[in-house]
Amino acid sequence: MGMSRNAKINTLLLFVVAALAVLPLALGLGEGKEEPFAGADAQAEAAITELRPDYEPWFTPLYEPPSGEVESALFALQAALGAGVLAYYFGVRRGRRQGAAAAAAAGPGTPGDARAED
């Protein structure tokens, strides 16, 4: 019994994502930096202050987390909530499609069908 095409694609994608997460650490791409895997915002801020020390930002953040760990936790929570909303949406959509297919397969004259009550 072999794996279905979708299962093969999902497995391959899982390995690609795992490789993207592990390879930078394994190859030591972040060595020699103070915060090797800091976000793009922090890197951009550092580059701007290096190029123009007199630069003043237009806006300040509404909330500054007390540490990088708290910031990472909030970001992960935001990503999890987003993934949950997407999963719920696709689940509801699939359920509706399966319900419509089951109603069509049952044919006319089933209980709850408006045409059967004429």
C-alpha atoms as a PDB file:
ATOM      1  CA  MET A   1       0.000   0.000   0.000  1.00  0.00           C
ATOM      2  CA  GLY A   2       1.733   3.211  -1.205  1.00  0.00           C
ATOM      3  CA  MET A   3       1.301   6.774  -0.108  1.00  0.00           C
ATOM      4  CA  SER A   4      -1.122   9.000  -1.996  1.00  0.00           C
ATOM      5  CA  ARG A   5       0.204  11.852  -4.134  1.00  0.00           C
ATOM      6  CA  ASN A   6      -0.896  14.460  -1.556  1.00  0.00           C
ATOM      7  CA  ALA A   7       0.823  12.570   1.262  1.00  0.00           C
ATOM      8  CA  LYS A   8       4.077  12.465  -0.748  1.00  0.00           C
ATOM      9  CA  ILE A   9       3.880  16.213  -1.458  1.00  0.00           C
ATOM     10  CA  ASN A  10       3.130  16.996   2.206  1.00  0.00           C
ATOM     11  CA  THR A  11       6.046  14.840   3.382  1.00  0.00           C
ATOM     12  CA  LEU A  12       8.405  16.526   0.920  1.00  0.00           C
ATOM     13  CA  LEU A  13       7.239  19.983   2.034  1.00  0.00           C
ATOM     14  CA  LEU A  14       7.740  19.007   5.675  1.00  0.00           C
ATOM     15  CA  PHE A  15      11.347  17.990   4.949  1.00  0.00           C
ATOM     16  CA  VAL A  16      11.986  21.252   3.058  1.00  0.00           C
ATOM     17  CA  VAL A  17      10.659  23.336   5.965  1.00  0.00           C
ATOM     18  CA  ALA A  18      12.736  21.330   8.464  1.00  0.00           C
ATOM     19  CA  ALA A  19      15.842  21.815   6.297  1.00  0.00           C
ATOM     20  CA  LEU A  20      15.226  25.571   6.096  1.00  0.00           C
ATOM     21  CA  ALA A  21      15.020  25.705   9.896  1.00  0.00           C
ATOM     22  CA  VAL A  22      18.038  23.480  10.635  1.00  0.00           C
ATOM     23  CA  LEU A  23      20.549  24.245   7.863  1.00  0.00           C
ATOM     24  CA  PRO A  24      21.437  27.827   8.912  1.00  0.00           C
ATOM     25  CA  LEU A  25      22.196  26.541  12.422  1.00  0.00           C
ATOM     26  CA  ALA A  26      24.128  23.489  11.180  1.00  0.00           C
ATOM     27  CA  LEU A  27      26.222  25.523   8.712  1.00  0.00           C
ATOM     28  CA  GLY A  28      26.989  28.204  11.319  1.00  0.00           C
ATOM     29  CA  LEU A  29      25.636  31.053   9.198  1.00  0.00           C
ATOM     30  CA  GLY A  30      24.963  33.275  12.212  1.00  0.00           C
ATOM     31  CA  GLU A  31      28.361  32.972  13.912  1.00  0.00           C
ATOM     32  CA  GLY A  32      30.238  36.152  14.773  1.00  0.00           C
ATOM     33  CA  LYS A  33      27.097  38.263  15.150  1.00  0.00           C
ATOM     34  CA  GLU A  34      25.773  39.523  18.466  1.00  0.00           C
ATOM     35  CA  GLU A  35      22.199  38.442  17.685  1.00  0.00           C
ATOM     36  CA  PRO A  36      22.670  36.034  14.769  1.00  0.00           C
ATOM     37  CA  PHE A  37      19.026  35.483  13.847  1.00  0.00           C
ATOM     38  CA  ALA A  38      17.495  38.839  14.728  1.00  0.00           C
ATOM     39  CA  GLY A  39      14.510  40.023  12.710  1.00  0.00           C
ATOM     40  CA  ALA A  40      14.729  42.189   9.607  1.00  0.00           C
ATOM     41  CA  ASP A  41      13.411  45.205  11.537  1.00  0.00           C
ATOM     42  CA  ALA A  42      16.314  45.101  13.989  1.00  0.00           C
ATOM     43  CA  GLN A  43      18.845  44.659  11.154  1.00  0.00           C
ATOM     44  CA  ALA A  44      17.349  47.594   9.224  1.00  0.00           C
ATOM     45  CA  GLU A  45      17.428  49.781  12.345  1.00  0.00           C
ATOM     46  CA  ALA A  46      21.094  48.927  12.905  1.00  0.00           C
ATOM     47  CA  ALA A  47      21.958  49.727   9.269  1.00  0.00           C
ATOM     48  CA  ILE A  48      20.134  53.087   9.380  1.00  0.00           C
ATOM     49  CA  THR A  49      21.824  54.170  12.631  1.00  0.00           C
ATOM     50  CA  GLU A  50      25.182  53.183  11.143  1.00  0.00           C
ATOM     51  CA  LEU A  51      24.607  55.194   7.951  1.00  0.00           C
ATOM     52  CA  ARG A  52      22.860  58.219   9.516  1.00  0.00           C
ATOM     53  CA  PRO A  53      23.511  58.539  13.268  1.00  0.00           C
ATOM     54  CA  ASP A  54      21.320  61.679  13.466  1.00  0.00           C
ATOM     55  CA  TYR A  55      18.233  59.864  12.086  1.00  0.00           C
ATOM     56  CA  GLU A  56      15.096  60.017  14.237  1.00  0.00           C
ATOM     57  CA  PRO A  57      12.223  57.560  13.575  1.00  0.00           C
ATOM     58  CA  TRP A  58       8.804  59.053  12.771  1.00  0.00           C
ATOM     59  CA  PHE A  59       6.946  56.625  15.026  1.00  0.00           C
ATOM     60  CA  THR A  60       7.632  54.710  18.196  1.00  0.00           C
ATOM     61  CA  PRO A  61       6.127  51.273  18.967  1.00  0.00           C
ATOM     62  CA  LEU A  62       2.927  51.267  21.020  1.00  0.00           C
ATOM     63  CA  TYR A  63       4.250  48.409  23.161  1.00  0.00           C
ATOM     64  CA  GLU A  64       7.861  47.389  23.590  1.00  0.00           C
ATOM     65  CA  PRO A  65       8.200  43.833  25.019  1.00  0.00           C
ATOM     66  CA  PRO A  66      10.554  43.594  28.015  1.00  0.00           C
ATOM     67  CA  SER A  67      12.835  41.052  26.293  1.00  0.00           C
ATOM     68  CA  GLY A  68      13.468  39.274  23.012  1.00  0.00           C
ATOM     69  CA  GLU A  69      12.004  36.067  24.437  1.00  0.00           C
ATOM     70  CA  VAL A  70       8.683  37.761  25.226  1.00  0.00           C
ATOM     71  CA  GLU A  71       8.663  39.322  21.747  1.00  0.00           C
ATOM     72  CA  SER A  72       9.271  35.886  20.189  1.00  0.00           C
ATOM     73  CA  ALA A  73       6.503  34.347  22.305  1.00  0.00           C
ATOM     74  CA  LEU A  74       4.023  37.051  21.225  1.00  0.00           C
ATOM     75  CA  PHE A  75       5.015  36.550  17.586  1.00  0.00           C
ATOM     76  CA  ALA A  76       4.546  32.769  17.913  1.00  0.00           C
ATOM     77  CA  LEU A  77       1.148  33.313  19.549  1.00  0.00           C
ATOM     78  CA  GLN A  78       0.119  35.599  16.689  1.00  0.00           C
ATOM     79  CA  ALA A  79       1.254  32.986  14.130  1.00  0.00           C
ATOM     80  CA  ALA A  80      -0.631  30.215  15.980  1.00  0.00           C
ATOM     81  CA  LEU A  81      -3.835  32.275  16.080  1.00  0.00           C
ATOM     82  CA  GLY A  82      -3.520  33.007  12.363  1.00  0.00           C
ATOM     83  CA  ALA A  83      -2.948  29.331  11.583  1.00  0.00           C
ATOM     84  CA  GLY A  84      -5.970  28.395  13.720  1.00  0.00           C
ATOM     85  CA  VAL A  85      -8.232  30.858  11.887  1.00  0.00           C
ATOM     86  CA  LEU A  86      -7.037  29.565   8.501  1.00  0.00           C
ATOM     87  CA  ALA A  87      -7.498  25.928   9.540  1.00  0.00           C
ATOM     88  CA  TYR A  88     -11.028  26.675  10.805  1.00  0.00           C
ATOM     89  CA  TYR A  89     -11.920  28.443   7.534  1.00  0.00           C
ATOM     90  CA  PHE A  90     -10.659  25.590   5.350  1.00  0.00           C
ATOM     91  CA  GLY A  91     -12.348  23.017   7.614  1.00  0.00           C
ATOM     92  CA  VAL A  92     -15.710  24.788   7.374  1.00  0.00           C
ATOM     93  CA  ARG A  93     -15.313  25.118   3.596  1.00  0.00           C
ATOM     94  CA  ARG A  94     -14.510  21.436   3.216  1.00  0.00           C
ATOM     95  CA  GLY A  95     -17.417  20.450   5.491  1.00  0.00           C
ATOM     96  CA  ARG A  96     -19.840  22.502   3.412  1.00  0.00           C
ATOM     97  CA  ARG A  97     -18.543  20.933   0.201  1.00  0.00           C
ATOM     98  CA  GLN A  98     -18.902  17.415   1.659  1.00  0.00           C
ATOM     99  CA  GLY A  99     -22.415  18.254   2.899  1.00  0.00           C
ATOM    100  CA  ALA A 100     -23.432  19.542  -0.534  1.00  0.00           C
ATOM    101  CA  ALA A 101     -21.966  16.428  -2.185  1.00  0.00           C
ATOM    102  CA  ALA A 102     -23.819  14.134   0.256  1.00  0.00           C
ATOM    103  CA  ALA A 103     -27.111  15.987  -0.396  1.00  0.00           C
ATOM    104  CA  ALA A 104     -26.615  15.713  -4.153  1.00  0.00           C
ATOM    105  CA  ALA A 105     -25.787  12.004  -3.881  1.00  0.00           C
ATOM    106  CA  ALA A 106     -28.928  11.335  -1.825  1.00  0.00           C
ATOM    107  CA  GLY A 107     -31.027  12.647  -4.720  1.00  0.00           C
ATOM    108  CA  PRO A 108     -34.435  14.306  -4.704  1.00  0.00           C
ATOM    109  CA  GLY A 109     -37.157  13.241  -2.322  1.00  0.00           C
ATOM    110  CA  THR A 110     -35.063  13.117   0.821  1.00  0.00           C
ATOM    111  CA  PRO A 111     -36.318  14.721   4.034  1.00  0.00           C
ATOM    112  CA  GLY A 112     -35.487  18.420   4.209  1.00  0.00           C
ATOM    113  CA  ASP A 113     -35.475  18.762   0.440  1.00  0.00           C
ATOM    114  CA  ALA A 114     -37.792  21.614  -0.622  1.00  0.00           C
ATOM    115  CA  ARG A 115     -38.765  19.884  -3.909  1.00  0.00           C
ATOM    116  CA  ALA A 116     -40.102  16.814  -2.096  1.00  0.00           C
ATOM    117  CA  GLU A 117     -42.759  18.837  -0.236  1.00  0.00           C
ATOM    118  CA  ASP A 118     -44.539  20.152  -3.378  1.00  0.00           C
END
